Amino acid sequence: STSFSGKAVAVVAPVGPNRGILRIRVDGAEWHEVDLHAVKGAQRRVVFSRRIQDGPHVLEIEGHQGQTAIDAILIVR
């Protein structure tokens, strides 16, 4: 988990045949499952993005199943 301040957030991760599932949530809301499986691999894709109220927030990310990784967390202030 990480705290940040801003009005939008995005998660960038690799996708491919051997990738798994991430669980992501903002500010303790409902978990969103993000399936990273893809027929063809790609180094970096925006796999999650949300517009949110401008201000302080908490982003939580869990590797839920399989091979998961993240490359970047992008924040719009």
C-alpha atoms as a PDB file:
ATOM      1  CA  SER A   1       0.000   0.000   0.000  1.00  0.00           C
ATOM      2  CA  THR A   2       1.022   3.596  -0.528  1.00  0.00           C
ATOM      3  CA  SER A   3      -0.392   7.005   0.310  1.00  0.00           C
ATOM      4  CA  PHE A   4      -0.598   9.756  -2.284  1.00  0.00           C
ATOM      5  CA  SER A   5      -2.337  13.024  -3.025  1.00  0.00           C
ATOM      6  CA  GLY A   6      -3.965  13.642  -6.387  1.00  0.00           C
ATOM      7  CA  LYS A   7      -7.060  13.411  -8.581  1.00  0.00           C
ATOM      8  CA  ALA A   8      -6.266  10.298 -10.655  1.00  0.00           C
ATOM      9  CA  VAL A   9      -4.160   7.153 -10.361  1.00  0.00           C
ATOM     10  CA  ALA A  10      -3.014   4.469 -12.817  1.00  0.00           C
ATOM     11  CA  VAL A  11      -1.092   1.212 -12.459  1.00  0.00           C
ATOM     12  CA  VAL A  12       1.270  -0.003 -15.197  1.00  0.00           C
ATOM     13  CA  ALA A  13       2.151  -3.710 -15.323  1.00  0.00           C
ATOM     14  CA  PRO A  14       3.463  -6.380 -17.681  1.00  0.00           C
ATOM     15  CA  VAL A  15       0.906  -8.707 -19.270  1.00  0.00           C
ATOM     16  CA  GLY A  16       1.374 -12.085 -20.922  1.00  0.00           C
ATOM     17  CA  PRO A  17       0.557 -15.781 -21.057  1.00  0.00           C
ATOM     18  CA  ASN A  18       2.123 -16.549 -17.660  1.00  0.00           C
ATOM     19  CA  ARG A  19       0.760 -13.578 -15.749  1.00  0.00           C
ATOM     20  CA  GLY A  20      -1.820 -13.768 -12.972  1.00  0.00           C
ATOM     21  CA  ILE A  21      -4.330 -11.564 -11.198  1.00  0.00           C
ATOM     22  CA  LEU A  22      -3.808  -8.363  -9.208  1.00  0.00           C
ATOM     23  CA  ARG A  23      -6.295  -6.992  -6.715  1.00  0.00           C
ATOM     24  CA  ILE A  24      -6.364  -3.189  -6.468  1.00  0.00           C
ATOM     25  CA  ARG A  25      -8.391  -0.775  -4.364  1.00  0.00           C
ATOM     26  CA  VAL A  26      -8.372   2.914  -3.511  1.00  0.00           C
ATOM     27  CA  ASP A  27      -9.328   4.274  -0.085  1.00  0.00           C
ATOM     28  CA  GLY A  28     -10.611   0.966   1.252  1.00  0.00           C
ATOM     29  CA  ALA A  29     -13.329   0.654  -1.413  1.00  0.00           C
ATOM     30  CA  GLU A  30     -14.242  -2.629  -3.101  1.00  0.00           C
ATOM     31  CA  TRP A  31     -11.339  -4.655  -4.524  1.00  0.00           C
ATOM     32  CA  HIS A  32     -11.013  -4.675  -8.338  1.00  0.00           C
ATOM     33  CA  GLU A  33      -9.501  -7.806  -9.869  1.00  0.00           C
ATOM     34  CA  VAL A  34      -7.165  -7.104 -12.781  1.00  0.00           C
ATOM     35  CA  ASP A  35      -6.355 -10.084 -15.004  1.00  0.00           C
ATOM     36  CA  LEU A  36      -2.838  -9.740 -16.426  1.00  0.00           C
ATOM     37  CA  HIS A  37      -3.175 -12.752 -18.734  1.00  0.00           C
ATOM     38  CA  ALA A  38      -2.773 -12.019 -22.441  1.00  0.00           C
ATOM     39  CA  VAL A  39      -2.038 -14.237 -25.447  1.00  0.00           C
ATOM     40  CA  LYS A  40       0.958 -12.061 -26.382  1.00  0.00           C
ATOM     41  CA  GLY A  41       3.291 -10.580 -23.798  1.00  0.00           C
ATOM     42  CA  ALA A  42       3.782  -6.842 -23.411  1.00  0.00           C
ATOM     43  CA  GLN A  43       6.286  -5.140 -21.146  1.00  0.00           C
ATOM     44  CA  ARG A  44       4.077  -2.279 -19.990  1.00  0.00           C
ATOM     45  CA  ARG A  45       0.331  -1.655 -20.111  1.00  0.00           C
ATOM     46  CA  VAL A  46      -1.959   0.577 -18.099  1.00  0.00           C
ATOM     47  CA  VAL A  47      -3.997  -2.133 -16.367  1.00  0.00           C
ATOM     48  CA  PHE A  48      -5.948   0.063 -13.922  1.00  0.00           C
ATOM     49  CA  SER A  49      -6.897   3.743 -13.840  1.00  0.00           C
ATOM     50  CA  ARG A  50      -9.335   5.788 -11.787  1.00  0.00           C
ATOM     51  CA  ARG A  51     -10.375   9.424 -11.515  1.00  0.00           C
ATOM     52  CA  ILE A  52     -10.914  10.318  -7.875  1.00  0.00           C
ATOM     53  CA  GLN A  53     -11.678  13.335  -5.731  1.00  0.00           C
ATOM     54  CA  ASP A  54      -8.598  15.585  -5.475  1.00  0.00           C
ATOM     55  CA  GLY A  55      -6.905  15.041  -2.116  1.00  0.00           C
ATOM     56  CA  PRO A  56      -5.112  12.428  -0.004  1.00  0.00           C
ATOM     57  CA  HIS A  57      -5.686   8.731  -0.799  1.00  0.00           C
ATOM     58  CA  VAL A  58      -4.418   5.204  -0.077  1.00  0.00           C
ATOM     59  CA  LEU A  59      -3.740   2.749  -2.912  1.00  0.00           C
ATOM     60  CA  GLU A  60      -3.540  -0.977  -2.069  1.00  0.00           C
ATOM     61  CA  ILE A  61      -2.265  -3.632  -4.499  1.00  0.00           C
ATOM     62  CA  GLU A  62      -2.092  -7.398  -3.892  1.00  0.00           C
ATOM     63  CA  GLY A  63      -0.707 -10.153  -6.066  1.00  0.00           C
ATOM     64  CA  HIS A  64      -3.752 -12.415  -5.895  1.00  0.00           C
ATOM     65  CA  GLN A  65      -2.887 -15.312  -8.199  1.00  0.00           C
ATOM     66  CA  GLY A  66      -0.049 -16.419 -10.495  1.00  0.00           C
ATOM     67  CA  GLN A  67       2.943 -14.356 -11.589  1.00  0.00           C
ATOM     68  CA  THR A  68       2.186 -10.708 -10.908  1.00  0.00           C
ATOM     69  CA  ALA A  69       4.308  -7.575 -11.054  1.00  0.00           C
ATOM     70  CA  ILE A  70       3.851  -3.849 -11.411  1.00  0.00           C
ATOM     71  CA  ASP A  71       6.169  -1.472 -13.236  1.00  0.00           C
ATOM     72  CA  ALA A  72       4.799   1.923 -12.192  1.00  0.00           C
ATOM     73  CA  ILE A  73       2.140   3.805 -10.279  1.00  0.00           C
ATOM     74  CA  LEU A  74       1.179   7.067 -11.983  1.00  0.00           C
ATOM     75  CA  ILE A  75      -0.490   9.906 -10.082  1.00  0.00           C
ATOM     76  CA  VAL A  76      -2.128  13.004 -11.548  1.00  0.00           C
ATOM     77  CA  ARG A  77      -2.022  15.902  -9.104  1.00  0.00           C
END
